[in-house]
Amino acid sequence: MSTPPRDERDYFERIYTVTTQVPPGQVATYGDIAVIVGDGCDARVVGHALGALGARADSVPWQRVINRTGGISTSGYGQREALEAEGVTFDERDHVRMASHHWTGPSETWARAHGFQPLPPREVKTPDAQLKLF
């Protein structure tokens, strides 16, 4: 028997819990948060949850969640300024320098203790990496 999908409100609370773990000066992608939450959560649900913060925006560091290319998906909300105040730097395309600021996720111990999953290790791409054709 399969497990029914989680109620959206439950996802939202789980998303807020994970988002509070992203340290100042680092960023996570909507997809990173979805992977950690698990149980069928996806990046769109993360976006909806952060968009529904309302008065909780002061206690959940929503500004630390960005799109997968390092771009800011909000406009006019001071996200870039909030990130810069934490030491996050941007490149010439106005994208976060992911190699310097991309969060590796919570520790496996924290994730398992709180009913989440850690992020799988990712390949680190260096700015100097070149495409090899052969």
N, C-alpha and C. Protein backbone atom coordinates (compact mmCIF):
# COMPACT_ATOMS: atom_id res chain seq x y z
N MET A 1 0.85 -1.18 0.00
CA MET A 1 0.00 0.00 0.00
C MET A 1 0.89 1.23 0.00
N SER A 2 0.61 2.17 -0.88
CA SER A 2 1.45 3.36 -0.97
C SER A 2 1.02 4.40 0.05
N THR A 3 1.97 5.24 0.42
CA THR A 3 1.71 6.31 1.37
C THR A 3 1.03 7.47 0.64
N PRO A 4 -0.07 8.01 1.19
CA PRO A 4 -0.71 9.15 0.52
C PRO A 4 0.20 10.36 0.56
N PRO A 5 0.06 11.25 -0.43
CA PRO A 5 0.90 12.46 -0.43
C PRO A 5 0.62 13.31 0.81
N ARG A 6 1.63 14.01 1.24
CA ARG A 6 1.49 14.87 2.42
C ARG A 6 0.56 16.03 2.13
N ASP A 7 -0.12 16.48 3.16
CA ASP A 7 -0.93 17.68 3.08
C ASP A 7 0.00 18.86 2.78
N GLU A 8 -0.45 19.79 1.95
CA GLU A 8 0.39 20.93 1.58
C GLU A 8 0.85 21.72 2.80
N ARG A 9 0.01 21.87 3.81
CA ARG A 9 0.41 22.62 5.02
C ARG A 9 1.56 21.91 5.73
N ASP A 10 1.53 20.58 5.73
CA ASP A 10 2.61 19.82 6.35
C ASP A 10 3.91 20.05 5.57
N TYR A 11 3.82 20.03 4.24
CA TYR A 11 4.99 20.35 3.43
C TYR A 11 5.53 21.72 3.79
N PHE A 12 4.65 22.68 3.87
CA PHE A 12 5.08 24.05 4.17
C PHE A 12 5.87 24.10 5.48
N GLU A 13 5.37 23.48 6.52
CA GLU A 13 6.08 23.48 7.81
C GLU A 13 7.43 22.79 7.69
N ARG A 14 7.49 21.70 6.96
CA ARG A 14 8.75 20.98 6.77
C ARG A 14 9.73 21.84 5.96
N ILE A 15 9.21 22.53 4.95
CA ILE A 15 10.05 23.43 4.14
C ILE A 15 10.60 24.55 5.01
N TYR A 16 9.79 25.12 5.87
CA TYR A 16 10.25 26.20 6.75
C TYR A 16 11.32 25.69 7.70
N THR A 17 11.14 24.48 8.22
CA THR A 17 12.14 23.91 9.13
C THR A 17 13.48 23.75 8.43
N VAL A 18 13.48 23.22 7.21
CA VAL A 18 14.74 23.04 6.48
C VAL A 18 15.35 24.39 6.11
N THR A 19 14.54 25.33 5.67
CA THR A 19 15.05 26.64 5.26
C THR A 19 15.75 27.34 6.41
N THR A 20 15.28 27.15 7.63
CA THR A 20 15.94 27.79 8.79
C THR A 20 17.33 27.22 9.04
N GLN A 21 17.66 26.09 8.42
CA GLN A 21 18.98 25.49 8.60
C GLN A 21 20.04 26.07 7.66
N VAL A 22 19.61 26.78 6.62
CA VAL A 22 20.58 27.37 5.67
C VAL A 22 21.29 28.52 6.39
N PRO A 23 22.61 28.42 6.56
CA PRO A 23 23.34 29.44 7.31
C PRO A 23 23.47 30.77 6.57
N PRO A 24 23.64 31.85 7.31
CA PRO A 24 23.91 33.15 6.66
C PRO A 24 25.14 33.03 5.76
N GLY A 25 25.08 33.69 4.62
CA GLY A 25 26.20 33.66 3.69
C GLY A 25 26.16 32.49 2.73
N GLN A 26 25.16 31.62 2.88
CA GLN A 26 25.02 30.49 1.98
C GLN A 26 23.62 30.49 1.39
N VAL A 27 23.46 29.78 0.29
CA VAL A 27 22.17 29.68 -0.37
C VAL A 27 21.87 28.23 -0.71
N ALA A 28 20.58 27.94 -0.82
CA ALA A 28 20.11 26.64 -1.28
C ALA A 28 19.18 26.91 -2.46
N THR A 29 19.01 25.92 -3.30
CA THR A 29 18.06 26.06 -4.39
C THR A 29 16.70 25.53 -3.94
N TYR A 30 15.66 25.92 -4.68
CA TYR A 30 14.33 25.38 -4.39
C TYR A 30 14.38 23.85 -4.46
N GLY A 31 15.11 23.33 -5.43
CA GLY A 31 15.25 21.88 -5.58
C GLY A 31 15.99 21.23 -4.43
N ASP A 32 17.02 21.90 -3.90
CA ASP A 32 17.75 21.37 -2.74
C ASP A 32 16.79 21.17 -1.57
N ILE A 33 15.99 22.20 -1.30
CA ILE A 33 15.06 22.13 -0.18
C ILE A 33 14.06 20.99 -0.41
N ALA A 34 13.56 20.85 -1.65
CA ALA A 34 12.61 19.79 -1.97
C ALA A 34 13.22 18.41 -1.74
N VAL A 35 14.46 18.21 -2.14
CA VAL A 35 15.12 16.92 -1.95
C VAL A 35 15.24 16.61 -0.46
N ILE A 36 15.62 17.57 0.33
CA ILE A 36 15.78 17.35 1.77
C ILE A 36 14.43 17.02 2.41
N VAL A 37 13.39 17.73 2.02
CA VAL A 37 12.04 17.47 2.56
C VAL A 37 11.56 16.10 2.12
N GLY A 38 11.80 15.73 0.86
CA GLY A 38 11.43 14.42 0.37
C GLY A 38 9.93 14.21 0.27
N ASP A 39 9.50 12.98 0.29
CA ASP A 39 8.08 12.59 0.25
C ASP A 39 7.32 13.22 -0.90
N GLY A 40 7.96 13.35 -2.07
CA GLY A 40 7.27 13.89 -3.23
C GLY A 40 7.25 15.41 -3.32
N CYS A 41 7.90 16.09 -2.41
CA CYS A 41 7.98 17.55 -2.48
C CYS A 41 8.76 17.93 -3.73
N ASP A 42 8.37 19.03 -4.38
CA ASP A 42 9.15 19.49 -5.53
C ASP A 42 9.42 20.99 -5.40
N ALA A 43 10.24 21.50 -6.29
CA ALA A 43 10.69 22.89 -6.22
C ALA A 43 9.52 23.87 -6.26
N ARG A 44 8.47 23.53 -7.02
CA ARG A 44 7.31 24.44 -7.08
C ARG A 44 6.62 24.57 -5.72
N VAL A 45 6.52 23.46 -5.00
CA VAL A 45 5.90 23.50 -3.67
C VAL A 45 6.74 24.37 -2.74
N VAL A 46 8.07 24.26 -2.85
CA VAL A 46 8.95 25.10 -2.04
C VAL A 46 8.69 26.57 -2.35
N GLY A 47 8.59 26.92 -3.63
CA GLY A 47 8.30 28.30 -4.01
C GLY A 47 6.98 28.78 -3.46
N HIS A 48 5.96 27.95 -3.53
CA HIS A 48 4.65 28.32 -3.00
C HIS A 48 4.72 28.53 -1.49
N ALA A 49 5.43 27.63 -0.81
CA ALA A 49 5.55 27.74 0.65
C ALA A 49 6.23 29.04 1.05
N LEU A 50 7.33 29.37 0.37
CA LEU A 50 8.05 30.60 0.72
C LEU A 50 7.24 31.83 0.36
N GLY A 51 6.43 31.73 -0.68
CA GLY A 51 5.56 32.83 -1.06
C GLY A 51 4.41 33.04 -0.08
N ALA A 52 4.13 32.02 0.71
CA ALA A 52 3.02 32.08 1.67
C ALA A 52 3.47 32.38 3.09
N LEU A 53 4.71 32.79 3.28
CA LEU A 53 5.24 33.01 4.63
C LEU A 53 4.48 34.09 5.41
N GLY A 54 4.11 35.14 4.75
CA GLY A 54 3.41 36.22 5.45
C GLY A 54 4.24 36.76 6.60
N ALA A 55 3.64 36.83 7.79
CA ALA A 55 4.30 37.38 8.98
C ALA A 55 5.50 36.55 9.42
N ARG A 56 5.59 35.31 8.98
CA ARG A 56 6.71 34.46 9.37
C ARG A 56 7.98 34.77 8.59
N ALA A 57 7.90 35.68 7.63
CA ALA A 57 9.07 36.00 6.81
C ALA A 57 10.23 36.52 7.65
N ASP A 58 9.95 37.03 8.85
CA ASP A 58 11.02 37.50 9.72
C ASP A 58 11.76 36.36 10.41
N SER A 59 11.15 35.18 10.49
CA SER A 59 11.79 34.07 11.21
C SER A 59 12.29 32.95 10.29
N VAL A 60 11.91 32.99 9.03
CA VAL A 60 12.37 31.99 8.06
C VAL A 60 13.20 32.72 7.01
N PRO A 61 14.48 32.35 6.87
CA PRO A 61 15.37 33.08 5.94
C PRO A 61 15.10 32.74 4.47
N TRP A 62 13.95 33.13 3.99
CA TRP A 62 13.50 32.86 2.62
C TRP A 62 14.47 33.36 1.57
N GLN A 63 15.18 34.45 1.90
CA GLN A 63 16.08 35.06 0.92
C GLN A 63 17.23 34.13 0.55
N ARG A 64 17.48 33.11 1.34
CA ARG A 64 18.59 32.19 1.08
C ARG A 64 18.22 31.07 0.11
N VAL A 65 17.00 31.09 -0.39
CA VAL A 65 16.56 30.07 -1.35
C VAL A 65 16.41 30.74 -2.71
N ILE A 66 17.15 30.21 -3.68
CA ILE A 66 17.21 30.81 -5.02
C ILE A 66 17.00 29.74 -6.08
N ASN A 67 16.98 30.15 -7.33
CA ASN A 67 16.77 29.14 -8.37
C ASN A 67 18.06 28.38 -8.68
N ARG A 68 17.93 27.33 -9.45
CA ARG A 68 19.06 26.40 -9.65
C ARG A 68 20.24 26.99 -10.40
N THR A 69 20.03 28.09 -11.10
CA THR A 69 21.15 28.71 -11.82
C THR A 69 21.84 29.79 -10.99
N GLY A 70 21.35 30.00 -9.77
CA GLY A 70 21.93 31.04 -8.92
C GLY A 70 21.21 32.37 -9.04
N GLY A 71 20.13 32.38 -9.78
CA GLY A 71 19.37 33.61 -9.97
C GLY A 71 18.33 33.82 -8.88
N ILE A 72 17.95 35.05 -8.72
CA ILE A 72 16.90 35.42 -7.77
C ILE A 72 15.58 35.38 -8.51
N SER A 73 14.62 34.68 -7.93
CA SER A 73 13.33 34.52 -8.59
C SER A 73 12.30 35.56 -8.16
N THR A 74 12.60 36.31 -7.13
CA THR A 74 11.68 37.34 -6.67
C THR A 74 12.13 38.68 -7.23
N SER A 75 11.25 39.63 -7.24
CA SER A 75 11.64 40.96 -7.68
C SER A 75 11.05 42.00 -6.73
N GLY A 76 11.85 42.96 -6.37
CA GLY A 76 11.36 44.05 -5.55
C GLY A 76 11.23 43.75 -4.07
N TYR A 77 11.71 42.61 -3.63
CA TYR A 77 11.56 42.25 -2.22
C TYR A 77 12.84 42.39 -1.41
N GLY A 78 13.88 42.91 -2.00
CA GLY A 78 15.13 43.11 -1.26
C GLY A 78 15.93 41.85 -1.05
N GLN A 79 15.68 40.81 -1.83
CA GLN A 79 16.39 39.55 -1.65
C GLN A 79 17.89 39.72 -1.90
N ARG A 80 18.24 40.37 -2.98
CA ARG A 80 19.67 40.55 -3.27
C ARG A 80 20.34 41.33 -2.16
N GLU A 81 19.72 42.41 -1.72
CA GLU A 81 20.31 43.24 -0.66
C GLU A 81 20.48 42.44 0.63
N ALA A 82 19.49 41.61 0.95
CA ALA A 82 19.58 40.78 2.16
C ALA A 82 20.72 39.78 2.04
N LEU A 83 20.89 39.18 0.85
CA LEU A 83 21.98 38.23 0.65
C LEU A 83 23.34 38.93 0.70
N GLU A 84 23.44 40.08 0.06
CA GLU A 84 24.71 40.82 0.09
C GLU A 84 25.06 41.22 1.52
N ALA A 85 24.08 41.57 2.32
CA ALA A 85 24.34 41.93 3.72
C ALA A 85 24.90 40.75 4.51
N GLU A 86 24.65 39.53 4.02
CA GLU A 86 25.18 38.32 4.66
C GLU A 86 26.51 37.89 4.06
N GLY A 87 26.99 38.63 3.05
CA GLY A 87 28.27 38.31 2.44
C GLY A 87 28.19 37.51 1.17
N VAL A 88 26.99 37.26 0.65
CA VAL A 88 26.83 36.52 -0.60
C VAL A 88 27.24 37.44 -1.76
N THR A 89 28.04 36.89 -2.68
CA THR A 89 28.51 37.68 -3.82
C THR A 89 27.83 37.21 -5.11
N PHE A 90 27.79 38.12 -6.07
CA PHE A 90 27.13 37.88 -7.35
C PHE A 90 28.13 38.05 -8.48
N ASP A 91 27.86 37.36 -9.59
CA ASP A 91 28.74 37.49 -10.76
C ASP A 91 28.21 38.58 -11.70
N GLU A 92 28.84 38.69 -12.84
CA GLU A 92 28.49 39.74 -13.80
C GLU A 92 27.09 39.56 -14.40
N ARG A 93 26.52 38.36 -14.25
CA ARG A 93 25.15 38.11 -14.74
C ARG A 93 24.10 38.34 -13.65
N ASP A 94 24.56 38.82 -12.49
CA ASP A 94 23.70 39.02 -11.32
C ASP A 94 23.21 37.70 -10.74
N HIS A 95 24.00 36.65 -10.88
CA HIS A 95 23.70 35.36 -10.26
C HIS A 95 24.63 35.15 -9.08
N VAL A 96 24.14 34.46 -8.08
CA VAL A 96 24.97 34.12 -6.92
C VAL A 96 26.14 33.27 -7.38
N ARG A 97 27.29 33.53 -6.83
CA ARG A 97 28.48 32.71 -7.11
C ARG A 97 28.31 31.39 -6.36
N MET A 98 27.69 30.45 -7.04
CA MET A 98 27.31 29.18 -6.41
C MET A 98 28.51 28.40 -5.88
N ALA A 99 29.64 28.45 -6.58
CA ALA A 99 30.81 27.72 -6.12
C ALA A 99 31.25 28.19 -4.73
N SER A 100 30.96 29.43 -4.40
CA SER A 100 31.36 29.98 -3.10
C SER A 100 30.27 29.89 -2.04
N HIS A 101 29.01 29.88 -2.45
CA HIS A 101 27.92 30.05 -1.48
C HIS A 101 26.87 28.95 -1.45
N HIS A 102 27.00 27.93 -2.29
CA HIS A 102 25.97 26.88 -2.35
C HIS A 102 26.09 25.96 -1.13
N TRP A 103 25.05 25.94 -0.34
CA TRP A 103 24.98 25.13 0.89
C TRP A 103 25.05 23.65 0.54
N THR A 104 25.77 22.87 1.31
CA THR A 104 25.88 21.44 1.07
C THR A 104 24.76 20.65 1.75
N GLY A 105 23.89 21.34 2.47
CA GLY A 105 22.77 20.69 3.13
C GLY A 105 23.04 20.43 4.59
N PRO A 106 22.02 19.98 5.30
CA PRO A 106 22.19 19.70 6.72
C PRO A 106 23.04 18.45 6.91
N SER A 107 23.56 18.29 8.11
CA SER A 107 24.32 17.08 8.39
C SER A 107 23.38 15.88 8.32
N GLU A 108 23.93 14.73 8.02
CA GLU A 108 23.11 13.52 7.97
C GLU A 108 22.46 13.26 9.32
N THR A 109 23.18 13.53 10.39
CA THR A 109 22.64 13.33 11.74
C THR A 109 21.41 14.20 11.97
N TRP A 110 21.51 15.50 11.64
CA TRP A 110 20.37 16.41 11.84
C TRP A 110 19.21 15.97 10.95
N ALA A 111 19.49 15.69 9.69
CA ALA A 111 18.43 15.31 8.75
C ALA A 111 17.67 14.09 9.23
N ARG A 112 18.38 13.04 9.57
CA ARG A 112 17.72 11.80 10.01
C ARG A 112 16.96 12.01 11.32
N ALA A 113 17.54 12.78 12.24
CA ALA A 113 16.89 13.02 13.54
C ALA A 113 15.58 13.79 13.40
N HIS A 114 15.46 14.57 12.33
CA HIS A 114 14.27 15.40 12.14
C HIS A 114 13.34 14.89 11.03
N GLY A 115 13.62 13.68 10.52
CA GLY A 115 12.75 13.08 9.52
C GLY A 115 12.97 13.58 8.11
N PHE A 116 14.17 14.06 7.83
CA PHE A 116 14.51 14.55 6.50
C PHE A 116 15.60 13.67 5.90
N GLN A 117 16.00 13.99 4.70
CA GLN A 117 17.11 13.27 4.09
C GLN A 117 18.22 14.27 3.74
N PRO A 118 19.47 13.85 3.87
CA PRO A 118 20.56 14.76 3.49
C PRO A 118 20.62 14.90 1.98
N LEU A 119 21.25 15.98 1.55
CA LEU A 119 21.48 16.14 0.11
C LEU A 119 22.55 15.15 -0.32
N PRO A 120 22.40 14.55 -1.48
CA PRO A 120 23.48 13.69 -1.97
C PRO A 120 24.69 14.54 -2.32
N PRO A 121 25.87 13.97 -2.25
CA PRO A 121 27.06 14.75 -2.65
C PRO A 121 26.92 15.21 -4.09
N ARG A 122 27.39 16.40 -4.37
CA ARG A 122 27.32 16.90 -5.74
C ARG A 122 28.72 17.18 -6.25
N GLU A 123 28.83 17.10 -7.56
CA GLU A 123 30.09 17.40 -8.20
C GLU A 123 30.32 18.90 -8.12
N VAL A 124 31.48 19.28 -7.64
CA VAL A 124 31.81 20.70 -7.55
C VAL A 124 32.39 21.14 -8.87
N LYS A 125 31.76 22.15 -9.47
CA LYS A 125 32.25 22.67 -10.74
C LYS A 125 33.09 23.90 -10.47
N THR A 126 34.29 23.87 -10.97
CA THR A 126 35.17 25.01 -10.79
C THR A 126 34.99 25.97 -11.95
N PRO A 127 35.18 27.26 -11.70
CA PRO A 127 35.01 28.22 -12.78
C PRO A 127 35.96 28.00 -13.95
N ASP A 128 37.09 27.32 -13.69
CA ASP A 128 38.09 27.09 -14.72
C ASP A 128 37.86 25.82 -15.53
N ALA A 129 36.84 25.04 -15.14
CA ALA A 129 36.60 23.77 -15.82
C ALA A 129 36.25 24.00 -17.29
N GLN A 130 36.84 23.17 -18.13
CA GLN A 130 36.58 23.28 -19.56
C GLN A 130 35.90 22.02 -20.04
N LEU A 131 35.06 22.17 -21.02
CA LEU A 131 34.38 21.04 -21.62
C LEU A 131 35.40 20.21 -22.39
N LYS A 132 35.40 18.91 -22.13
CA LYS A 132 36.29 18.01 -22.86
C LYS A 132 35.47 17.30 -23.93
N LEU A 133 35.95 17.39 -25.15
CA LEU A 133 35.22 16.79 -26.26
C LEU A 133 35.60 15.34 -26.50
N PHE A 134 36.80 14.96 -26.16
CA PHE A 134 37.25 13.60 -26.42
C PHE A 134 37.88 13.01 -25.19
